[in-house]
Amino acid sequence: MSMLEVGYQVRGSVGITVGSEELEPGDGWPYDTVLSTLVKKPTMTAHELASTIVKKYIVSYGAGYDVTQAACDLSKATGMAEAVNSLAKTLTAQLTNSAEKAALLQVRRQVQSYDTVDYVDLYDLCDLLGSQSQNAGIQSACRQVKEVISTNKFVIQEAHKGEKMTNSHGVSIYFPERSISPLYATLDFAKKTKWDEFLRAYQKSTRRPD
């Protein structure tokens, strides 16, 4: 839902997305509190409404829930894709380095993931890589991705609740450990960036030899 690939796919038709990285509980959104706020201020901007939805959603769930919600600015989607493209190329080039590959494997085990374990938090992925990698190129590429997400405000508003969601930052990315969906290659993001090529190279380099 709050995946970079999805946002990039609809970037030409949608200005802002609001979605959850984690699978949402059956109760869904608190439409009553969201819409009552809009009624009180019908002149609010799209950014304000998106932020309101995120905040009201999180408040609507009590203790014991593991929930996430985020609003993303798709006018920044191209810059986001460019940053991930640089990261993908840098990571692919370092897969022949045993120390860097070991660090990447460790990060993949530690990174914030969700009900669908193939989806991981992009900021957390880069945060872990930046601290565990010894490669200056990887560290720089990770900083660039994090900057677009937070400083440049690709993620306008993010909120999460629950111990299992602690390292969520609002936008996730596809990072399967085993098989890659054949449908992934049909996405604009896969066509425009080298992320899918990194995924294939990663799986090939970490797979048990035939």
N, C-alpha and C. Protein backbone atom coordinates (compact mmCIF):
# COMPACT_ATOMS: atom_id res chain seq x y z
N MET A 1 0.82 -1.21 0.00
CA MET A 1 0.00 0.00 0.00
C MET A 1 0.86 1.26 0.00
N SER A 2 1.71 1.41 0.98
CA SER A 2 2.62 2.57 0.99
C SER A 2 3.98 2.13 0.45
N MET A 3 3.94 1.55 -0.75
CA MET A 3 5.17 1.07 -1.38
C MET A 3 5.65 2.07 -2.42
N LEU A 4 6.96 2.20 -2.53
CA LEU A 4 7.53 3.11 -3.50
C LEU A 4 7.09 2.73 -4.92
N GLU A 5 7.09 1.44 -5.21
CA GLU A 5 6.73 0.98 -6.55
C GLU A 5 5.31 1.38 -6.93
N VAL A 6 4.39 1.30 -5.96
CA VAL A 6 3.00 1.67 -6.22
C VAL A 6 2.88 3.17 -6.44
N GLY A 7 3.53 3.96 -5.58
CA GLY A 7 3.51 5.40 -5.74
C GLY A 7 4.09 5.83 -7.08
N TYR A 8 5.19 5.19 -7.48
CA TYR A 8 5.82 5.54 -8.75
C TYR A 8 4.91 5.19 -9.92
N GLN A 9 4.18 4.08 -9.80
CA GLN A 9 3.30 3.64 -10.88
C GLN A 9 2.19 4.65 -11.15
N VAL A 10 1.66 5.27 -10.11
CA VAL A 10 0.51 6.18 -10.28
C VAL A 10 0.89 7.66 -10.22
N ARG A 11 2.18 7.95 -10.29
CA ARG A 11 2.69 9.30 -10.09
C ARG A 11 2.10 10.31 -11.07
N GLY A 12 1.71 9.86 -12.27
CA GLY A 12 1.17 10.78 -13.27
C GLY A 12 -0.29 11.12 -13.05
N SER A 13 -0.95 10.39 -12.18
CA SER A 13 -2.38 10.58 -11.97
C SER A 13 -2.74 11.03 -10.56
N VAL A 14 -1.82 10.86 -9.63
CA VAL A 14 -2.10 11.09 -8.21
C VAL A 14 -1.03 12.00 -7.61
N GLY A 15 -1.45 12.95 -6.80
CA GLY A 15 -0.50 13.86 -6.16
C GLY A 15 0.02 13.33 -4.84
N ILE A 16 -0.87 12.75 -4.05
CA ILE A 16 -0.52 12.28 -2.71
C ILE A 16 -1.20 10.93 -2.48
N THR A 17 -0.46 10.00 -1.90
CA THR A 17 -1.07 8.74 -1.47
C THR A 17 -1.09 8.69 0.05
N VAL A 18 -2.08 8.01 0.59
CA VAL A 18 -2.13 7.71 2.01
C VAL A 18 -2.32 6.21 2.13
N GLY A 19 -1.40 5.55 2.78
CA GLY A 19 -1.49 4.10 2.89
C GLY A 19 -0.64 3.56 4.01
N SER A 20 -0.84 2.29 4.30
CA SER A 20 -0.15 1.63 5.41
C SER A 20 0.90 0.65 4.89
N GLU A 21 2.07 0.69 5.48
CA GLU A 21 3.09 -0.30 5.14
C GLU A 21 2.66 -1.68 5.64
N GLU A 22 2.07 -1.71 6.82
CA GLU A 22 1.60 -2.97 7.40
C GLU A 22 0.17 -3.26 6.94
N LEU A 23 -0.19 -4.53 6.93
CA LEU A 23 -1.56 -4.91 6.64
C LEU A 23 -2.48 -4.25 7.66
N GLU A 24 -3.55 -3.61 7.20
CA GLU A 24 -4.43 -2.88 8.11
C GLU A 24 -5.42 -3.83 8.81
N PRO A 25 -5.74 -3.55 10.07
CA PRO A 25 -6.77 -4.34 10.78
C PRO A 25 -8.12 -4.18 10.09
N GLY A 26 -9.03 -5.09 10.42
CA GLY A 26 -10.34 -5.08 9.79
C GLY A 26 -11.15 -3.81 10.02
N ASP A 27 -10.89 -3.09 11.11
CA ASP A 27 -11.63 -1.86 11.39
C ASP A 27 -11.35 -0.76 10.36
N GLY A 28 -10.21 -0.84 9.70
CA GLY A 28 -9.90 0.13 8.65
C GLY A 28 -9.71 1.55 9.14
N TRP A 29 -10.18 2.51 8.35
CA TRP A 29 -9.98 3.92 8.65
C TRP A 29 -11.12 4.49 9.49
N PRO A 30 -10.80 5.48 10.32
CA PRO A 30 -11.84 6.17 11.11
C PRO A 30 -12.47 7.29 10.28
N TYR A 31 -13.28 6.93 9.32
CA TYR A 31 -13.85 7.92 8.41
C TYR A 31 -14.64 9.01 9.14
N ASP A 32 -15.25 8.64 10.26
CA ASP A 32 -16.06 9.63 10.98
C ASP A 32 -15.22 10.79 11.49
N THR A 33 -14.08 10.50 12.13
CA THR A 33 -13.25 11.57 12.67
C THR A 33 -12.49 12.32 11.58
N VAL A 34 -12.11 11.60 10.53
CA VAL A 34 -11.42 12.25 9.41
C VAL A 34 -12.36 13.24 8.72
N LEU A 35 -13.55 12.78 8.39
CA LEU A 35 -14.49 13.63 7.65
C LEU A 35 -15.05 14.77 8.50
N SER A 36 -15.20 14.54 9.80
CA SER A 36 -15.68 15.62 10.66
C SER A 36 -14.65 16.74 10.73
N THR A 37 -13.37 16.38 10.70
CA THR A 37 -12.30 17.39 10.68
C THR A 37 -12.33 18.16 9.37
N LEU A 38 -12.59 17.47 8.27
CA LEU A 38 -12.67 18.13 6.97
C LEU A 38 -13.87 19.06 6.90
N VAL A 39 -14.98 18.64 7.49
CA VAL A 39 -16.19 19.48 7.51
C VAL A 39 -15.92 20.79 8.26
N LYS A 40 -15.15 20.68 9.36
CA LYS A 40 -14.83 21.86 10.16
C LYS A 40 -13.88 22.80 9.41
N LYS A 41 -13.06 22.22 8.52
CA LYS A 41 -12.13 23.05 7.75
C LYS A 41 -12.12 22.57 6.30
N PRO A 42 -13.14 22.89 5.54
CA PRO A 42 -13.22 22.42 4.16
C PRO A 42 -12.18 23.03 3.22
N THR A 43 -11.49 24.07 3.69
CA THR A 43 -10.47 24.72 2.86
C THR A 43 -9.09 24.10 3.02
N MET A 44 -8.97 23.06 3.84
CA MET A 44 -7.65 22.47 4.07
C MET A 44 -7.05 21.95 2.77
N THR A 45 -5.74 22.02 2.67
CA THR A 45 -5.04 21.56 1.47
C THR A 45 -4.99 20.04 1.45
N ALA A 46 -4.59 19.50 0.31
CA ALA A 46 -4.44 18.05 0.18
C ALA A 46 -3.39 17.53 1.16
N HIS A 47 -2.33 18.30 1.36
CA HIS A 47 -1.30 17.91 2.32
C HIS A 47 -1.87 17.85 3.73
N GLU A 48 -2.68 18.84 4.08
CA GLU A 48 -3.28 18.88 5.41
C GLU A 48 -4.23 17.72 5.62
N LEU A 49 -5.04 17.43 4.61
CA LEU A 49 -5.98 16.32 4.72
C LEU A 49 -5.24 14.99 4.85
N ALA A 50 -4.19 14.81 4.06
CA ALA A 50 -3.41 13.57 4.12
C ALA A 50 -2.80 13.39 5.50
N SER A 51 -2.24 14.46 6.05
CA SER A 51 -1.65 14.40 7.38
C SER A 51 -2.71 14.11 8.44
N THR A 52 -3.89 14.69 8.25
CA THR A 52 -4.98 14.45 9.19
C THR A 52 -5.39 12.99 9.20
N ILE A 53 -5.48 12.39 8.02
CA ILE A 53 -5.84 10.97 7.93
C ILE A 53 -4.85 10.11 8.69
N VAL A 54 -3.56 10.39 8.49
CA VAL A 54 -2.51 9.61 9.16
C VAL A 54 -2.67 9.70 10.67
N LYS A 55 -2.82 10.91 11.17
CA LYS A 55 -2.92 11.12 12.62
C LYS A 55 -4.18 10.49 13.21
N LYS A 56 -5.31 10.70 12.56
CA LYS A 56 -6.57 10.16 13.06
C LYS A 56 -6.58 8.63 13.01
N TYR A 57 -5.97 8.08 12.01
CA TYR A 57 -5.90 6.62 11.87
C TYR A 57 -5.17 5.99 13.05
N ILE A 58 -4.00 6.53 13.36
CA ILE A 58 -3.19 5.96 14.44
C ILE A 58 -3.89 6.11 15.79
N VAL A 59 -4.49 7.27 16.02
CA VAL A 59 -5.19 7.51 17.28
C VAL A 59 -6.37 6.55 17.45
N SER A 60 -6.97 6.14 16.35
CA SER A 60 -8.16 5.29 16.41
C SER A 60 -7.88 3.88 16.91
N TYR A 61 -6.60 3.48 16.94
CA TYR A 61 -6.24 2.14 17.40
C TYR A 61 -5.58 2.22 18.78
N GLY A 62 -6.01 1.37 19.67
CA GLY A 62 -5.50 1.38 21.03
C GLY A 62 -4.27 0.52 21.20
N ALA A 63 -3.86 0.35 22.45
CA ALA A 63 -2.70 -0.48 22.77
C ALA A 63 -2.97 -1.92 22.34
N GLY A 64 -1.91 -2.56 21.91
CA GLY A 64 -2.05 -3.95 21.47
C GLY A 64 -2.11 -4.09 19.97
N TYR A 65 -2.29 -2.99 19.26
CA TYR A 65 -2.31 -3.03 17.80
C TYR A 65 -0.93 -2.68 17.23
N ASP A 66 -0.58 -3.33 16.15
CA ASP A 66 0.62 -2.98 15.40
C ASP A 66 0.15 -2.37 14.08
N VAL A 67 0.19 -1.04 14.02
CA VAL A 67 -0.36 -0.34 12.86
C VAL A 67 0.60 0.73 12.35
N THR A 68 0.47 1.02 11.08
CA THR A 68 1.27 2.07 10.43
C THR A 68 0.37 2.86 9.50
N GLN A 69 0.76 4.09 9.21
CA GLN A 69 0.06 4.90 8.21
C GLN A 69 0.99 6.01 7.76
N ALA A 70 0.90 6.37 6.49
CA ALA A 70 1.80 7.40 5.98
C ALA A 70 1.20 8.09 4.77
N ALA A 71 1.56 9.35 4.59
CA ALA A 71 1.19 10.12 3.41
C ALA A 71 2.46 10.42 2.63
N CYS A 72 2.41 10.19 1.32
CA CYS A 72 3.60 10.39 0.48
C CYS A 72 3.30 11.38 -0.65
N ASP A 73 4.27 12.23 -0.92
CA ASP A 73 4.17 13.26 -1.96
C ASP A 73 4.74 12.70 -3.26
N LEU A 74 3.88 12.37 -4.21
CA LEU A 74 4.34 11.73 -5.44
C LEU A 74 5.01 12.69 -6.42
N SER A 75 4.99 13.98 -6.12
CA SER A 75 5.79 14.91 -6.94
C SER A 75 7.28 14.65 -6.72
N LYS A 76 7.60 13.93 -5.64
CA LYS A 76 8.99 13.59 -5.34
C LYS A 76 9.34 12.15 -5.78
N ALA A 77 8.40 11.48 -6.46
CA ALA A 77 8.60 10.07 -6.81
C ALA A 77 9.77 9.86 -7.77
N THR A 78 9.96 10.77 -8.71
CA THR A 78 11.07 10.62 -9.65
C THR A 78 12.41 10.72 -8.94
N GLY A 79 12.54 11.69 -8.04
CA GLY A 79 13.76 11.83 -7.25
C GLY A 79 14.00 10.63 -6.37
N MET A 80 12.91 10.08 -5.84
CA MET A 80 13.00 8.89 -5.00
C MET A 80 13.52 7.71 -5.82
N ALA A 81 13.00 7.56 -7.03
CA ALA A 81 13.44 6.47 -7.90
C ALA A 81 14.90 6.63 -8.30
N GLU A 82 15.31 7.85 -8.55
CA GLU A 82 16.71 8.09 -8.93
C GLU A 82 17.66 7.72 -7.80
N ALA A 83 17.27 8.04 -6.58
CA ALA A 83 18.11 7.72 -5.43
C ALA A 83 18.21 6.20 -5.23
N VAL A 84 17.08 5.50 -5.38
CA VAL A 84 17.10 4.04 -5.23
C VAL A 84 17.86 3.40 -6.38
N ASN A 85 17.78 3.98 -7.56
CA ASN A 85 18.53 3.47 -8.70
C ASN A 85 20.03 3.51 -8.42
N SER A 86 20.50 4.61 -7.86
CA SER A 86 21.93 4.73 -7.51
C SER A 86 22.31 3.70 -6.45
N LEU A 87 21.42 3.51 -5.48
CA LEU A 87 21.67 2.51 -4.44
C LEU A 87 21.75 1.12 -5.04
N ALA A 88 20.82 0.81 -5.94
CA ALA A 88 20.78 -0.52 -6.55
C ALA A 88 22.07 -0.81 -7.32
N LYS A 89 22.53 0.15 -8.10
CA LYS A 89 23.76 -0.06 -8.87
C LYS A 89 24.96 -0.23 -7.96
N THR A 90 25.02 0.53 -6.89
CA THR A 90 26.13 0.44 -5.95
C THR A 90 26.12 -0.90 -5.22
N LEU A 91 24.95 -1.35 -4.78
CA LEU A 91 24.85 -2.63 -4.08
C LEU A 91 25.21 -3.79 -5.00
N THR A 92 24.74 -3.74 -6.23
CA THR A 92 25.02 -4.82 -7.18
C THR A 92 26.53 -4.95 -7.41
N ALA A 93 27.20 -3.83 -7.53
CA ALA A 93 28.65 -3.85 -7.76
C ALA A 93 29.42 -4.42 -6.58
N GLN A 94 28.84 -4.36 -5.38
CA GLN A 94 29.53 -4.83 -4.19
C GLN A 94 29.18 -6.27 -3.79
N LEU A 95 28.35 -6.95 -4.57
CA LEU A 95 27.97 -8.31 -4.22
C LEU A 95 29.12 -9.30 -4.34
N THR A 96 30.16 -8.91 -5.05
CA THR A 96 31.34 -9.78 -5.15
C THR A 96 32.28 -9.58 -3.96
N ASN A 97 32.00 -8.59 -3.14
CA ASN A 97 32.80 -8.32 -1.94
C ASN A 97 32.17 -9.12 -0.80
N SER A 98 32.89 -10.11 -0.29
CA SER A 98 32.32 -11.02 0.71
C SER A 98 31.88 -10.30 1.98
N ALA A 99 32.65 -9.30 2.41
CA ALA A 99 32.30 -8.57 3.63
C ALA A 99 31.03 -7.76 3.43
N GLU A 100 30.91 -7.11 2.27
CA GLU A 100 29.72 -6.30 2.00
C GLU A 100 28.49 -7.18 1.79
N LYS A 101 28.68 -8.33 1.16
CA LYS A 101 27.56 -9.24 0.97
C LYS A 101 27.08 -9.79 2.31
N ALA A 102 28.01 -10.06 3.20
CA ALA A 102 27.65 -10.54 4.54
C ALA A 102 26.87 -9.47 5.29
N ALA A 103 27.29 -8.22 5.15
CA ALA A 103 26.59 -7.12 5.81
C ALA A 103 25.17 -6.98 5.25
N LEU A 104 25.04 -7.13 3.95
CA LEU A 104 23.74 -7.01 3.31
C LEU A 104 22.80 -8.14 3.76
N LEU A 105 23.33 -9.35 3.87
CA LEU A 105 22.55 -10.48 4.35
C LEU A 105 22.06 -10.24 5.79
N GLN A 106 22.94 -9.69 6.60
CA GLN A 106 22.58 -9.38 7.99
C GLN A 106 21.50 -8.32 8.05
N VAL A 107 21.65 -7.30 7.23
CA VAL A 107 20.67 -6.21 7.20
C VAL A 107 19.31 -6.73 6.75
N ARG A 108 19.31 -7.61 5.75
CA ARG A 108 18.04 -8.15 5.26
C ARG A 108 17.31 -8.93 6.36
N ARG A 109 18.04 -9.57 7.24
CA ARG A 109 17.43 -10.31 8.34
C ARG A 109 16.90 -9.37 9.42
N GLN A 110 17.54 -8.21 9.58
CA GLN A 110 17.19 -7.28 10.65
C GLN A 110 16.17 -6.22 10.27
N VAL A 111 16.04 -5.93 8.99
CA VAL A 111 15.25 -4.79 8.54
C VAL A 111 13.76 -4.94 8.90
N GLN A 112 13.12 -3.80 9.11
CA GLN A 112 11.69 -3.79 9.39
C GLN A 112 10.91 -4.37 8.21
N SER A 113 10.15 -5.42 8.49
CA SER A 113 9.33 -6.02 7.45
C SER A 113 7.89 -6.09 7.95
N TYR A 114 7.01 -6.65 7.11
CA TYR A 114 5.58 -6.57 7.40
C TYR A 114 4.89 -7.92 7.22
N ASP A 115 3.56 -7.91 7.25
CA ASP A 115 2.82 -9.15 7.11
C ASP A 115 3.26 -9.91 5.86
N THR A 116 3.46 -9.20 4.79
CA THR A 116 4.10 -9.77 3.61
C THR A 116 5.59 -9.52 3.77
N VAL A 117 6.34 -10.56 4.08
CA VAL A 117 7.74 -10.38 4.48
C VAL A 117 8.63 -9.91 3.34
N ASP A 118 8.14 -9.95 2.11
CA ASP A 118 8.93 -9.46 0.98
C ASP A 118 8.98 -7.95 0.93
N TYR A 119 8.16 -7.27 1.76
CA TYR A 119 8.12 -5.81 1.79
C TYR A 119 8.88 -5.31 3.01
N VAL A 120 9.82 -4.40 2.80
CA VAL A 120 10.63 -3.88 3.90
C VAL A 120 10.62 -2.36 3.89
N ASP A 121 10.80 -1.77 5.06
CA ASP A 121 10.86 -0.32 5.17
C ASP A 121 12.12 0.20 4.51
N LEU A 122 11.98 1.09 3.55
CA LEU A 122 13.11 1.57 2.76
C LEU A 122 14.09 2.40 3.59
N TYR A 123 13.57 3.27 4.44
CA TYR A 123 14.45 4.10 5.28
C TYR A 123 15.25 3.22 6.23
N ASP A 124 14.58 2.28 6.86
CA ASP A 124 15.26 1.39 7.81
C ASP A 124 16.32 0.56 7.10
N LEU A 125 16.01 0.11 5.90
CA LEU A 125 16.99 -0.65 5.11
C LEU A 125 18.25 0.17 4.90
N CYS A 126 18.09 1.43 4.51
CA CYS A 126 19.24 2.29 4.25
C CYS A 126 19.95 2.70 5.54
N ASP A 127 19.19 2.86 6.60
CA ASP A 127 19.78 3.21 7.89
C ASP A 127 20.70 2.09 8.37
N LEU A 128 20.24 0.86 8.28
CA LEU A 128 21.04 -0.29 8.69
C LEU A 128 22.24 -0.49 7.77
N LEU A 129 22.02 -0.37 6.48
CA LEU A 129 23.13 -0.53 5.52
C LEU A 129 24.20 0.53 5.73
N GLY A 130 23.75 1.76 5.95
CA GLY A 130 24.70 2.85 6.13
C GLY A 130 25.58 2.66 7.35
N SER A 131 25.05 2.00 8.39
CA SER A 131 25.83 1.81 9.61
C SER A 131 26.66 0.52 9.59
N GLN A 132 26.22 -0.48 8.84
CA GLN A 132 26.91 -1.76 8.85
C GLN A 132 27.86 -1.97 7.68
N SER A 133 27.66 -1.24 6.59
CA SER A 133 28.56 -1.34 5.45
C SER A 133 29.83 -0.52 5.70
N GLN A 134 30.92 -1.00 5.16
CA GLN A 134 32.19 -0.27 5.25
C GLN A 134 32.51 0.44 3.94
N ASN A 135 31.61 0.31 2.97
CA ASN A 135 31.85 0.88 1.64
C ASN A 135 31.31 2.31 1.57
N ALA A 136 32.17 3.23 1.19
CA ALA A 136 31.78 4.65 1.14
C ALA A 136 30.67 4.91 0.13
N GLY A 137 30.69 4.17 -0.98
CA GLY A 137 29.67 4.34 -2.00
C GLY A 137 28.29 3.93 -1.50
N ILE A 138 28.23 2.81 -0.80
CA ILE A 138 26.97 2.36 -0.23
C ILE A 138 26.48 3.33 0.82
N GLN A 139 27.38 3.79 1.67
CA GLN A 139 27.00 4.75 2.72
C GLN A 139 26.43 6.03 2.11
N SER A 140 27.06 6.51 1.05
CA SER A 140 26.60 7.73 0.39
C SER A 140 25.24 7.53 -0.27
N ALA A 141 25.07 6.39 -0.95
CA ALA A 141 23.79 6.11 -1.61
C ALA A 141 22.66 5.97 -0.59
N CYS A 142 22.96 5.38 0.55
CA CYS A 142 21.96 5.24 1.61
C CYS A 142 21.56 6.59 2.18
N ARG A 143 22.53 7.46 2.37
CA ARG A 143 22.22 8.81 2.87
C ARG A 143 21.32 9.55 1.89
N GLN A 144 21.57 9.37 0.60
CA GLN A 144 20.78 10.04 -0.42
C GLN A 144 19.32 9.58 -0.38
N VAL A 145 19.11 8.28 -0.25
CA VAL A 145 17.75 7.76 -0.17
C VAL A 145 17.04 8.31 1.06
N LYS A 146 17.70 8.27 2.19
CA LYS A 146 17.11 8.76 3.45
C LYS A 146 16.79 10.25 3.36
N GLU A 147 17.63 10.99 2.67
CA GLU A 147 17.41 12.43 2.53
C GLU A 147 16.15 12.72 1.73
N VAL A 148 15.93 11.97 0.65
CA VAL A 148 14.73 12.19 -0.16
C VAL A 148 13.48 11.84 0.65
N ILE A 149 13.56 10.77 1.43
CA ILE A 149 12.41 10.34 2.23
C ILE A 149 12.06 11.35 3.30
N SER A 150 13.07 11.79 4.06
CA SER A 150 12.80 12.63 5.23
C SER A 150 13.01 14.13 4.98
N THR A 151 14.21 14.51 4.62
CA THR A 151 14.53 15.93 4.44
C THR A 151 13.73 16.55 3.29
N ASN A 152 13.68 15.84 2.16
CA ASN A 152 12.95 16.35 0.99
C ASN A 152 11.46 16.05 1.05
N LYS A 153 11.05 15.34 2.10
CA LYS A 153 9.64 15.12 2.41
C LYS A 153 8.87 14.32 1.35
N PHE A 154 9.49 13.24 0.84
CA PHE A 154 8.68 12.31 0.06
C PHE A 154 7.59 11.76 0.97
N VAL A 155 7.97 11.44 2.21
CA VAL A 155 6.98 11.07 3.22
C VAL A 155 6.57 12.34 3.95
N ILE A 156 5.34 12.77 3.69
CA ILE A 156 4.83 14.01 4.28
C ILE A 156 4.56 13.83 5.77
N GLN A 157 3.90 12.75 6.09
CA GLN A 157 3.51 12.46 7.47
C GLN A 157 3.55 10.95 7.67
N GLU A 158 4.11 10.52 8.80
CA GLU A 158 4.19 9.09 9.10
C GLU A 158 3.87 8.86 10.56
N ALA A 159 3.18 7.78 10.85
CA ALA A 159 2.92 7.41 12.23
C ALA A 159 2.79 5.90 12.32
N HIS A 160 3.18 5.37 13.47
CA HIS A 160 3.08 3.93 13.69
C HIS A 160 2.85 3.66 15.17
N LYS A 161 2.37 2.50 15.47
CA LYS A 161 2.08 2.11 16.84
C LYS A 161 2.33 0.62 16.99
N GLY A 162 2.89 0.22 18.12
CA GLY A 162 3.15 -1.19 18.36
C GLY A 162 4.63 -1.51 18.28
N GLU A 163 5.09 -2.38 19.16
CA GLU A 163 6.51 -2.72 19.24
C GLU A 163 7.04 -3.29 17.93
N LYS A 164 6.22 -4.04 17.21
CA LYS A 164 6.68 -4.68 15.98
C LYS A 164 6.85 -3.70 14.83
N MET A 165 6.33 -2.48 14.98
CA MET A 165 6.40 -1.49 13.91
C MET A 165 7.39 -0.37 14.21
N THR A 166 8.21 -0.56 15.22
CA THR A 166 9.09 0.51 15.73
C THR A 166 9.94 1.17 14.66
N ASN A 167 10.43 0.41 13.70
CA ASN A 167 11.37 0.95 12.72
C ASN A 167 10.72 1.26 11.37
N SER A 168 9.45 1.62 11.43
CA SER A 168 8.73 2.03 10.22
C SER A 168 8.90 3.53 10.00
N HIS A 169 9.04 3.90 8.73
CA HIS A 169 9.25 5.32 8.40
C HIS A 169 8.35 5.81 7.27
N GLY A 170 7.41 4.97 6.83
CA GLY A 170 6.41 5.49 5.91
C GLY A 170 6.39 4.96 4.50
N VAL A 171 7.50 4.40 4.02
CA VAL A 171 7.51 3.89 2.64
C VAL A 171 8.29 2.58 2.60
N SER A 172 7.73 1.60 1.93
CA SER A 172 8.39 0.29 1.83
C SER A 172 8.80 0.01 0.39
N ILE A 173 9.58 -1.06 0.23
CA ILE A 173 10.06 -1.46 -1.09
C ILE A 173 10.11 -2.98 -1.14
N TYR A 174 10.03 -3.52 -2.33
CA TYR A 174 10.03 -4.97 -2.55
C TYR A 174 11.46 -5.50 -2.42
N PHE A 175 11.64 -6.48 -1.52
CA PHE A 175 12.96 -7.08 -1.32
C PHE A 175 12.77 -8.55 -0.90
N PRO A 176 12.36 -9.40 -1.86
CA PRO A 176 12.16 -10.81 -1.54
C PRO A 176 13.50 -11.52 -1.35
N GLU A 177 13.52 -12.49 -0.45
CA GLU A 177 14.75 -13.26 -0.23
C GLU A 177 14.82 -14.49 -1.13
N ARG A 178 13.67 -14.97 -1.57
CA ARG A 178 13.66 -16.21 -2.34
C ARG A 178 13.32 -15.96 -3.80
N SER A 179 12.05 -15.97 -4.16
CA SER A 179 11.68 -15.82 -5.57
C SER A 179 11.12 -14.44 -5.85
N ILE A 180 11.38 -13.93 -7.05
CA ILE A 180 10.89 -12.63 -7.49
C ILE A 180 9.66 -12.84 -8.36
N SER A 181 8.59 -12.14 -8.06
CA SER A 181 7.38 -12.27 -8.85
C SER A 181 7.65 -11.87 -10.31
N PRO A 182 7.20 -12.68 -11.27
CA PRO A 182 7.38 -12.31 -12.68
C PRO A 182 6.65 -11.04 -13.06
N LEU A 183 5.66 -10.66 -12.26
CA LEU A 183 4.91 -9.44 -12.53
C LEU A 183 5.70 -8.18 -12.18
N TYR A 184 6.73 -8.33 -11.34
CA TYR A 184 7.48 -7.16 -10.91
C TYR A 184 8.12 -6.43 -12.08
N ALA A 185 8.58 -7.19 -13.06
CA ALA A 185 9.25 -6.60 -14.22
C ALA A 185 8.33 -5.73 -15.06
N THR A 186 7.01 -5.87 -14.89
CA THR A 186 6.06 -5.08 -15.67
C THR A 186 5.83 -3.69 -15.09
N LEU A 187 6.31 -3.45 -13.88
CA LEU A 187 6.09 -2.15 -13.23
C LEU A 187 7.00 -1.07 -13.81
N ASP A 188 6.51 0.17 -13.82
CA ASP A 188 7.34 1.29 -14.27
C ASP A 188 8.62 1.39 -13.48
N PHE A 189 8.53 1.16 -12.17
CA PHE A 189 9.71 1.28 -11.30
C PHE A 189 10.79 0.30 -11.72
N ALA A 190 10.40 -0.92 -12.05
CA ALA A 190 11.37 -1.93 -12.47
C ALA A 190 11.98 -1.58 -13.83
N LYS A 191 11.19 -0.95 -14.68
CA LYS A 191 11.68 -0.57 -16.00
C LYS A 191 12.61 0.64 -15.95
N LYS A 192 12.37 1.53 -15.00
CA LYS A 192 13.10 2.78 -14.94
C LYS A 192 14.32 2.75 -14.01
N THR A 193 14.39 1.75 -13.14
CA THR A 193 15.51 1.67 -12.21
C THR A 193 16.18 0.30 -12.32
N LYS A 194 17.30 0.16 -11.63
CA LYS A 194 18.04 -1.09 -11.62
C LYS A 194 17.71 -1.93 -10.38
N TRP A 195 16.63 -1.59 -9.67
CA TRP A 195 16.32 -2.33 -8.44
C TRP A 195 16.01 -3.80 -8.72
N ASP A 196 15.28 -4.06 -9.81
CA ASP A 196 14.97 -5.45 -10.14
C ASP A 196 16.22 -6.23 -10.51
N GLU A 197 17.18 -5.55 -11.16
CA GLU A 197 18.44 -6.21 -11.51
C GLU A 197 19.25 -6.51 -10.25
N PHE A 198 19.20 -5.60 -9.29
CA PHE A 198 19.87 -5.86 -8.01
C PHE A 198 19.24 -7.06 -7.32
N LEU A 199 17.92 -7.13 -7.32
CA LEU A 199 17.24 -8.26 -6.67
C LEU A 199 17.67 -9.59 -7.29
N ARG A 200 17.73 -9.63 -8.60
CA ARG A 200 18.15 -10.87 -9.28
C ARG A 200 19.60 -11.21 -8.95
N ALA A 201 20.45 -10.20 -8.95
CA ALA A 201 21.87 -10.43 -8.64
C ALA A 201 22.04 -10.87 -7.20
N TYR A 202 21.28 -10.26 -6.30
CA TYR A 202 21.34 -10.61 -4.88
C TYR A 202 20.95 -12.07 -4.67
N GLN A 203 19.85 -12.47 -5.27
CA GLN A 203 19.39 -13.84 -5.09
C GLN A 203 20.35 -14.84 -5.72
N LYS A 204 20.92 -14.49 -6.85
CA LYS A 204 21.89 -15.38 -7.49
C LYS A 204 23.14 -15.54 -6.64
N SER A 205 23.60 -14.46 -6.04
CA SER A 205 24.85 -14.49 -5.27
C SER A 205 24.68 -15.14 -3.91
N THR A 206 23.45 -15.20 -3.40
CA THR A 206 23.22 -15.78 -2.09
C THR A 206 22.57 -17.16 -2.13
N ARG A 207 22.28 -17.64 -3.32
CA ARG A 207 21.64 -18.94 -3.48
C ARG A 207 22.64 -20.07 -3.31
N ARG A 208 22.18 -21.19 -2.80
CA ARG A 208 23.03 -22.37 -2.69
C ARG A 208 23.50 -22.79 -4.09
N PRO A 209 24.77 -23.07 -4.27
CA PRO A 209 25.28 -23.47 -5.58
C PRO A 209 24.56 -24.74 -6.09
N ASP A 210 24.35 -24.80 -7.39
CA ASP A 210 23.71 -25.99 -7.98
C ASP A 210 24.60 -27.21 -7.81
